[in-house]
Every structure is written in structure tokens, then in C-alpha cells.
Amino acid sequence: MPSQQELDLQISPLVQESLAHNSRTLHNLQSLTASLFGISAGILGLESYSGFLFYLVFSLLTTALFYLLRIAPTALSSPASPTSKAGVLGRYFRSPLDFWTAGVTNGLAGFILTWTLFYGLVRA
């Protein structure tokens, strides 16, 4: 006899193309905002740990806003949600950890590049 989770996945299956599209959309948003945060940190003249803290806080804020504006309303309006450890995020992304932390690591290079560029332009 199938488990409750298997029944839920038969009723509303997870489509791998949709999961990849959702991850790609979030990655594009976080890459763009990482560059914008780098520009902001460079113009503000942030150095060392304060610049990295600025990036970390605003990257997590961006992910939280994405969750609140795009995922939470959809999850609340759908009556059938799979009962898994991943919960709501498991329906739209590969894992909750990937959702919350992938943007921080993926956008770091773009942040540092634009941060140092604009810091050098403003302070030169």
C-alpha cells in the first residue's frame, strides 16, 4: 500500500523542468541583486567585514521577500500540498537549504567584482 507522500505525489507530481525553471529564476534574481548590492557597498565605501555583512543581510532579505511575495501566496491558496519534510519549498525547489543558501554562494563573485569596482571608482 502506498504511503501518504506517494499518494500526494501521484495527485500533484513534481515536474523536474519546473523545479529547474524555479531554481534558475531565483538564481537570476540573486545574481542581479548581488551586483546591485556590490554597487551599493562600493558607493557607501564599506570595507572588510561590514561589506560582506551588508551582502549577507541583503541577500537573505531578497530571498525572504521572494518567498513572501511569490511562494507563500501560492502555497496558501492551493488546497493539496505534499506532506514531506521539505514542506512548501519542496513543491517548488529541490531543497529548502538550497533555496535559502544557494543565492549567497552564487552571487558572491558578482558582488565582490562590482563592490571593488565601484569602491575604486568612488575613492579614486
N, C-alpha and C. Protein backbone atom coordinates (compact mmCIF):
# COMPACT_ATOMS: atom_id res chain seq x y z
N MET A 1 0.84 -1.18 0.00
CA MET A 1 0.00 0.00 0.00
C MET A 1 0.89 1.24 0.00
N PRO A 2 0.61 2.20 -0.90
CA PRO A 2 1.45 3.40 -0.98
C PRO A 2 1.27 4.30 0.25
N SER A 3 2.35 5.01 0.56
CA SER A 3 2.31 5.93 1.71
C SER A 3 1.56 7.21 1.32
N GLN A 4 1.30 8.04 2.31
CA GLN A 4 0.59 9.30 2.06
C GLN A 4 1.40 10.21 1.15
N GLN A 5 2.72 10.23 1.33
CA GLN A 5 3.57 11.06 0.49
C GLN A 5 3.52 10.59 -0.96
N GLU A 6 3.53 9.30 -1.19
CA GLU A 6 3.45 8.78 -2.55
C GLU A 6 2.11 9.12 -3.19
N LEU A 7 1.04 9.05 -2.42
CA LEU A 7 -0.28 9.42 -2.94
C LEU A 7 -0.33 10.91 -3.30
N ASP A 8 0.25 11.75 -2.46
CA ASP A 8 0.27 13.18 -2.75
C ASP A 8 1.06 13.48 -4.01
N LEU A 9 2.18 12.77 -4.22
CA LEU A 9 2.97 12.99 -5.41
C LEU A 9 2.28 12.45 -6.66
N GLN A 10 1.41 11.44 -6.52
CA GLN A 10 0.65 10.97 -7.66
C GLN A 10 -0.44 11.97 -8.04
N ILE A 11 -1.01 12.62 -7.04
CA ILE A 11 -2.07 13.60 -7.30
C ILE A 11 -1.49 14.87 -7.91
N SER A 12 -0.42 15.40 -7.32
CA SER A 12 0.25 16.59 -7.87
C SER A 12 1.73 16.29 -7.99
N PRO A 13 2.16 15.76 -9.15
CA PRO A 13 3.55 15.34 -9.31
C PRO A 13 4.50 16.53 -9.39
N LEU A 14 5.76 16.27 -9.02
CA LEU A 14 6.81 17.26 -9.14
C LEU A 14 7.43 17.11 -10.52
N VAL A 15 7.42 18.17 -11.29
CA VAL A 15 7.97 18.15 -12.64
C VAL A 15 9.37 18.73 -12.58
N GLN A 16 10.35 17.96 -13.02
CA GLN A 16 11.75 18.37 -12.90
C GLN A 16 12.04 19.64 -13.70
N GLU A 17 11.40 19.82 -14.84
CA GLU A 17 11.61 21.03 -15.63
C GLU A 17 11.13 22.26 -14.86
N SER A 18 10.03 22.12 -14.14
CA SER A 18 9.52 23.23 -13.35
C SER A 18 10.44 23.56 -12.17
N LEU A 19 10.96 22.52 -11.53
CA LEU A 19 11.91 22.75 -10.44
C LEU A 19 13.16 23.46 -10.96
N ALA A 20 13.65 23.05 -12.12
CA ALA A 20 14.83 23.69 -12.71
C ALA A 20 14.53 25.13 -13.09
N HIS A 21 13.35 25.38 -13.65
CA HIS A 21 12.96 26.75 -14.02
C HIS A 21 12.88 27.64 -12.79
N ASN A 22 12.28 27.15 -11.72
CA ASN A 22 12.16 27.93 -10.49
C ASN A 22 13.54 28.25 -9.91
N SER A 23 14.43 27.27 -9.89
CA SER A 23 15.78 27.50 -9.38
C SER A 23 16.53 28.49 -10.25
N ARG A 24 16.37 28.39 -11.57
CA ARG A 24 17.03 29.32 -12.49
C ARG A 24 16.50 30.74 -12.31
N THR A 25 15.21 30.89 -12.11
CA THR A 25 14.62 32.21 -11.90
C THR A 25 15.16 32.85 -10.62
N LEU A 26 15.20 32.08 -9.56
CA LEU A 26 15.74 32.59 -8.30
C LEU A 26 17.22 32.91 -8.44
N HIS A 27 17.97 32.07 -9.15
CA HIS A 27 19.40 32.33 -9.36
C HIS A 27 19.61 33.62 -10.14
N ASN A 28 18.83 33.86 -11.18
CA ASN A 28 18.96 35.10 -11.96
C ASN A 28 18.65 36.32 -11.11
N LEU A 29 17.61 36.25 -10.30
CA LEU A 29 17.27 37.36 -9.40
C LEU A 29 18.40 37.63 -8.42
N GLN A 30 18.96 36.58 -7.84
CA GLN A 30 20.02 36.76 -6.85
C GLN A 30 21.32 37.24 -7.48
N SER A 31 21.60 36.85 -8.70
CA SER A 31 22.80 37.35 -9.38
C SER A 31 22.67 38.83 -9.68
N LEU A 32 21.50 39.24 -10.14
CA LEU A 32 21.26 40.66 -10.42
C LEU A 32 21.34 41.49 -9.15
N THR A 33 20.69 41.04 -8.11
CA THR A 33 20.71 41.81 -6.86
C THR A 33 22.09 41.80 -6.21
N ALA A 34 22.87 40.74 -6.40
CA ALA A 34 24.24 40.71 -5.86
C ALA A 34 25.08 41.81 -6.50
N SER A 35 24.91 42.01 -7.80
CA SER A 35 25.64 43.09 -8.47
C SER A 35 25.16 44.46 -7.97
N LEU A 36 23.87 44.60 -7.79
CA LEU A 36 23.35 45.86 -7.26
C LEU A 36 23.82 46.12 -5.83
N PHE A 37 23.90 45.07 -5.03
CA PHE A 37 24.42 45.22 -3.68
C PHE A 37 25.90 45.57 -3.70
N GLY A 38 26.64 45.04 -4.66
CA GLY A 38 28.05 45.40 -4.80
C GLY A 38 28.23 46.86 -5.16
N ILE A 39 27.38 47.34 -6.05
CA ILE A 39 27.42 48.77 -6.41
C ILE A 39 27.12 49.61 -5.18
N SER A 40 26.11 49.22 -4.42
CA SER A 40 25.74 49.97 -3.21
C SER A 40 26.86 49.95 -2.18
N ALA A 41 27.45 48.80 -1.95
CA ALA A 41 28.52 48.70 -0.96
C ALA A 41 29.74 49.51 -1.39
N GLY A 42 30.04 49.53 -2.68
CA GLY A 42 31.16 50.31 -3.18
C GLY A 42 30.94 51.80 -3.04
N ILE A 43 29.73 52.25 -3.37
CA ILE A 43 29.41 53.67 -3.25
C ILE A 43 29.40 54.10 -1.79
N LEU A 44 28.89 53.24 -0.91
CA LEU A 44 28.88 53.56 0.52
C LEU A 44 30.27 53.50 1.14
N GLY A 45 31.23 52.91 0.45
CA GLY A 45 32.59 52.83 0.95
C GLY A 45 32.78 51.78 2.03
N LEU A 46 31.99 50.74 2.00
CA LEU A 46 32.11 49.68 3.01
C LEU A 46 33.38 48.88 2.77
N GLU A 47 34.01 48.48 3.83
CA GLU A 47 35.24 47.71 3.74
C GLU A 47 35.15 46.47 4.62
N SER A 48 35.87 45.45 4.23
CA SER A 48 36.08 44.24 5.01
C SER A 48 34.77 43.59 5.44
N TYR A 49 34.65 43.30 6.74
CA TYR A 49 33.51 42.54 7.23
C TYR A 49 32.18 43.28 7.07
N SER A 50 32.21 44.58 7.15
CA SER A 50 30.95 45.32 7.01
C SER A 50 30.37 45.15 5.60
N GLY A 51 31.23 45.07 4.59
CA GLY A 51 30.75 44.84 3.22
C GLY A 51 30.16 43.46 3.05
N PHE A 52 30.83 42.45 3.61
CA PHE A 52 30.31 41.09 3.50
C PHE A 52 29.03 40.91 4.32
N LEU A 53 28.96 41.56 5.46
CA LEU A 53 27.74 41.51 6.28
C LEU A 53 26.59 42.18 5.54
N PHE A 54 26.87 43.31 4.88
CA PHE A 54 25.88 44.01 4.05
C PHE A 54 25.32 43.05 3.00
N TYR A 55 26.23 42.33 2.32
CA TYR A 55 25.81 41.40 1.29
C TYR A 55 24.99 40.25 1.86
N LEU A 56 25.43 39.69 2.95
CA LEU A 56 24.74 38.56 3.56
C LEU A 56 23.32 38.95 3.99
N VAL A 57 23.19 40.08 4.66
CA VAL A 57 21.88 40.52 5.15
C VAL A 57 20.94 40.79 3.99
N PHE A 58 21.40 41.51 2.98
CA PHE A 58 20.51 41.85 1.88
C PHE A 58 20.22 40.67 0.96
N SER A 59 21.13 39.72 0.86
CA SER A 59 20.84 38.51 0.09
C SER A 59 19.76 37.68 0.76
N LEU A 60 19.87 37.53 2.07
CA LEU A 60 18.83 36.79 2.79
C LEU A 60 17.50 37.54 2.77
N LEU A 61 17.56 38.86 2.82
CA LEU A 61 16.34 39.67 2.73
C LEU A 61 15.68 39.50 1.36
N THR A 62 16.48 39.47 0.31
CA THR A 62 15.95 39.25 -1.04
C THR A 62 15.27 37.89 -1.15
N THR A 63 15.89 36.86 -0.60
CA THR A 63 15.31 35.51 -0.63
C THR A 63 14.03 35.47 0.19
N ALA A 64 14.02 36.14 1.34
CA ALA A 64 12.81 36.17 2.17
C ALA A 64 11.67 36.90 1.46
N LEU A 65 11.98 38.00 0.79
CA LEU A 65 10.94 38.71 0.03
C LEU A 65 10.42 37.87 -1.13
N PHE A 66 11.32 37.15 -1.80
CA PHE A 66 10.90 36.26 -2.87
C PHE A 66 9.95 35.19 -2.33
N TYR A 67 10.30 34.66 -1.18
CA TYR A 67 9.45 33.65 -0.55
C TYR A 67 8.08 34.24 -0.19
N LEU A 68 8.08 35.40 0.44
CA LEU A 68 6.82 36.01 0.89
C LEU A 68 5.93 36.46 -0.26
N LEU A 69 6.53 36.96 -1.33
CA LEU A 69 5.73 37.51 -2.43
C LEU A 69 5.36 36.49 -3.50
N ARG A 70 6.18 35.44 -3.68
CA ARG A 70 5.92 34.50 -4.77
C ARG A 70 5.51 33.11 -4.31
N ILE A 71 6.09 32.62 -3.24
CA ILE A 71 5.84 31.23 -2.85
C ILE A 71 4.72 31.12 -1.83
N ALA A 72 4.75 31.93 -0.81
CA ALA A 72 3.76 31.82 0.26
C ALA A 72 2.33 32.02 -0.24
N PRO A 73 2.02 33.04 -1.06
CA PRO A 73 0.63 33.17 -1.53
C PRO A 73 0.15 31.98 -2.33
N THR A 74 1.01 31.41 -3.16
CA THR A 74 0.64 30.25 -3.96
C THR A 74 0.42 29.03 -3.07
N ALA A 75 1.29 28.88 -2.08
CA ALA A 75 1.18 27.73 -1.18
C ALA A 75 -0.07 27.81 -0.32
N LEU A 76 -0.45 29.00 0.09
CA LEU A 76 -1.63 29.14 0.92
C LEU A 76 -2.92 28.95 0.12
N SER A 77 -2.88 29.27 -1.17
CA SER A 77 -4.10 29.16 -1.97
C SER A 77 -4.35 27.74 -2.49
N SER A 78 -3.31 26.90 -2.52
CA SER A 78 -3.50 25.54 -3.03
C SER A 78 -3.95 24.62 -1.90
N PRO A 79 -5.05 23.91 -2.10
CA PRO A 79 -5.57 23.07 -1.01
C PRO A 79 -4.75 21.82 -0.75
N ALA A 80 -4.20 21.21 -1.78
CA ALA A 80 -3.46 19.95 -1.59
C ALA A 80 -1.98 20.23 -1.66
N SER A 81 -1.30 20.01 -0.57
CA SER A 81 0.15 20.17 -0.56
C SER A 81 0.76 18.87 -0.06
N PRO A 82 1.88 18.47 -0.66
CA PRO A 82 2.51 17.22 -0.23
C PRO A 82 3.00 17.31 1.21
N THR A 83 2.84 16.26 1.92
CA THR A 83 3.30 16.21 3.30
C THR A 83 4.68 15.59 3.33
N SER A 84 5.67 16.42 3.22
CA SER A 84 7.05 15.95 3.23
C SER A 84 7.85 16.81 4.18
N LYS A 85 9.08 16.40 4.40
CA LYS A 85 9.95 17.18 5.27
C LYS A 85 10.24 18.54 4.65
N ALA A 86 10.29 18.61 3.34
CA ALA A 86 10.60 19.87 2.67
C ALA A 86 9.44 20.85 2.75
N GLY A 87 8.23 20.36 2.91
CA GLY A 87 7.07 21.24 3.05
C GLY A 87 6.78 21.98 1.76
N VAL A 88 6.44 23.24 1.89
CA VAL A 88 6.04 24.06 0.75
C VAL A 88 7.20 24.24 -0.23
N LEU A 89 8.39 24.48 0.28
CA LEU A 89 9.53 24.68 -0.61
C LEU A 89 9.84 23.43 -1.42
N GLY A 90 9.53 22.27 -0.90
CA GLY A 90 9.77 21.03 -1.62
C GLY A 90 8.92 20.90 -2.87
N ARG A 91 7.81 21.63 -2.94
CA ARG A 91 6.98 21.62 -4.13
C ARG A 91 7.57 22.45 -5.25
N TYR A 92 8.36 23.46 -4.92
CA TYR A 92 8.84 24.40 -5.93
C TYR A 92 10.35 24.38 -6.15
N PHE A 93 11.10 23.88 -5.18
CA PHE A 93 12.56 23.86 -5.27
C PHE A 93 13.08 22.51 -4.81
N ARG A 94 14.34 22.23 -5.12
CA ARG A 94 14.92 20.92 -4.79
C ARG A 94 15.01 20.69 -3.30
N SER A 95 15.45 21.68 -2.55
CA SER A 95 15.53 21.53 -1.10
C SER A 95 15.45 22.91 -0.45
N PRO A 96 14.95 22.98 0.78
CA PRO A 96 14.90 24.27 1.47
C PRO A 96 16.28 24.88 1.70
N LEU A 97 17.27 24.05 1.99
CA LEU A 97 18.62 24.56 2.20
C LEU A 97 19.16 25.20 0.93
N ASP A 98 18.91 24.57 -0.20
CA ASP A 98 19.33 25.12 -1.49
C ASP A 98 18.63 26.44 -1.77
N PHE A 99 17.37 26.53 -1.42
CA PHE A 99 16.61 27.77 -1.63
C PHE A 99 17.21 28.93 -0.84
N TRP A 100 17.52 28.70 0.43
CA TRP A 100 17.97 29.80 1.29
C TRP A 100 19.45 30.14 1.13
N THR A 101 20.30 29.20 0.76
CA THR A 101 21.74 29.47 0.75
C THR A 101 22.37 29.53 -0.63
N ALA A 102 21.74 29.01 -1.65
CA ALA A 102 22.37 28.98 -2.97
C ALA A 102 22.63 30.38 -3.51
N GLY A 103 21.74 31.31 -3.26
CA GLY A 103 21.93 32.66 -3.76
C GLY A 103 23.10 33.38 -3.14
N VAL A 104 23.38 33.08 -1.89
CA VAL A 104 24.50 33.72 -1.22
C VAL A 104 25.81 33.27 -1.86
N THR A 105 25.94 31.99 -2.14
CA THR A 105 27.18 31.50 -2.73
C THR A 105 27.27 31.80 -4.22
N ASN A 106 26.16 31.77 -4.93
CA ASN A 106 26.19 32.01 -6.37
C ASN A 106 26.48 33.47 -6.72
N GLY A 107 25.99 34.40 -5.94
CA GLY A 107 26.16 35.81 -6.26
C GLY A 107 27.39 36.45 -5.66
N LEU A 108 28.17 35.71 -4.90
CA LEU A 108 29.30 36.30 -4.19
C LEU A 108 30.35 36.86 -5.14
N ALA A 109 30.66 36.16 -6.21
CA ALA A 109 31.67 36.64 -7.16
C ALA A 109 31.24 37.95 -7.82
N GLY A 110 29.98 38.03 -8.25
CA GLY A 110 29.48 39.27 -8.85
C GLY A 110 29.47 40.42 -7.86
N PHE A 111 29.13 40.10 -6.61
CA PHE A 111 29.13 41.13 -5.57
C PHE A 111 30.54 41.69 -5.37
N ILE A 112 31.52 40.82 -5.21
CA ILE A 112 32.89 41.27 -4.97
C ILE A 112 33.41 42.07 -6.16
N LEU A 113 33.10 41.62 -7.37
CA LEU A 113 33.55 42.32 -8.56
C LEU A 113 33.02 43.75 -8.62
N THR A 114 31.70 43.90 -8.46
CA THR A 114 31.12 45.24 -8.54
C THR A 114 31.45 46.08 -7.30
N TRP A 115 31.60 45.44 -6.17
CA TRP A 115 31.97 46.15 -4.94
C TRP A 115 33.34 46.81 -5.10
N THR A 116 34.32 46.03 -5.54
CA THR A 116 35.66 46.58 -5.68
C THR A 116 35.73 47.60 -6.82
N LEU A 117 35.00 47.38 -7.89
CA LEU A 117 34.98 48.33 -8.99
C LEU A 117 34.45 49.68 -8.55
N PHE A 118 33.28 49.68 -7.92
CA PHE A 118 32.68 50.95 -7.53
C PHE A 118 33.38 51.58 -6.33
N TYR A 119 33.96 50.78 -5.48
CA TYR A 119 34.75 51.33 -4.37
C TYR A 119 35.96 52.08 -4.95
N GLY A 120 36.61 51.46 -5.92
CA GLY A 120 37.76 52.10 -6.57
C GLY A 120 37.37 53.35 -7.35
N LEU A 121 36.22 53.32 -8.02
CA LEU A 121 35.78 54.50 -8.78
C LEU A 121 35.42 55.66 -7.85
N VAL A 122 34.76 55.37 -6.76
CA VAL A 122 34.32 56.43 -5.85
C VAL A 122 35.50 56.99 -5.05
N ARG A 123 36.41 56.13 -4.62
CA ARG A 123 37.51 56.55 -3.75
C ARG A 123 38.73 57.04 -4.54
N ALA A 124 38.73 56.90 -5.85
CA ALA A 124 39.90 57.30 -6.64
C ALA A 124 39.98 58.79 -6.82
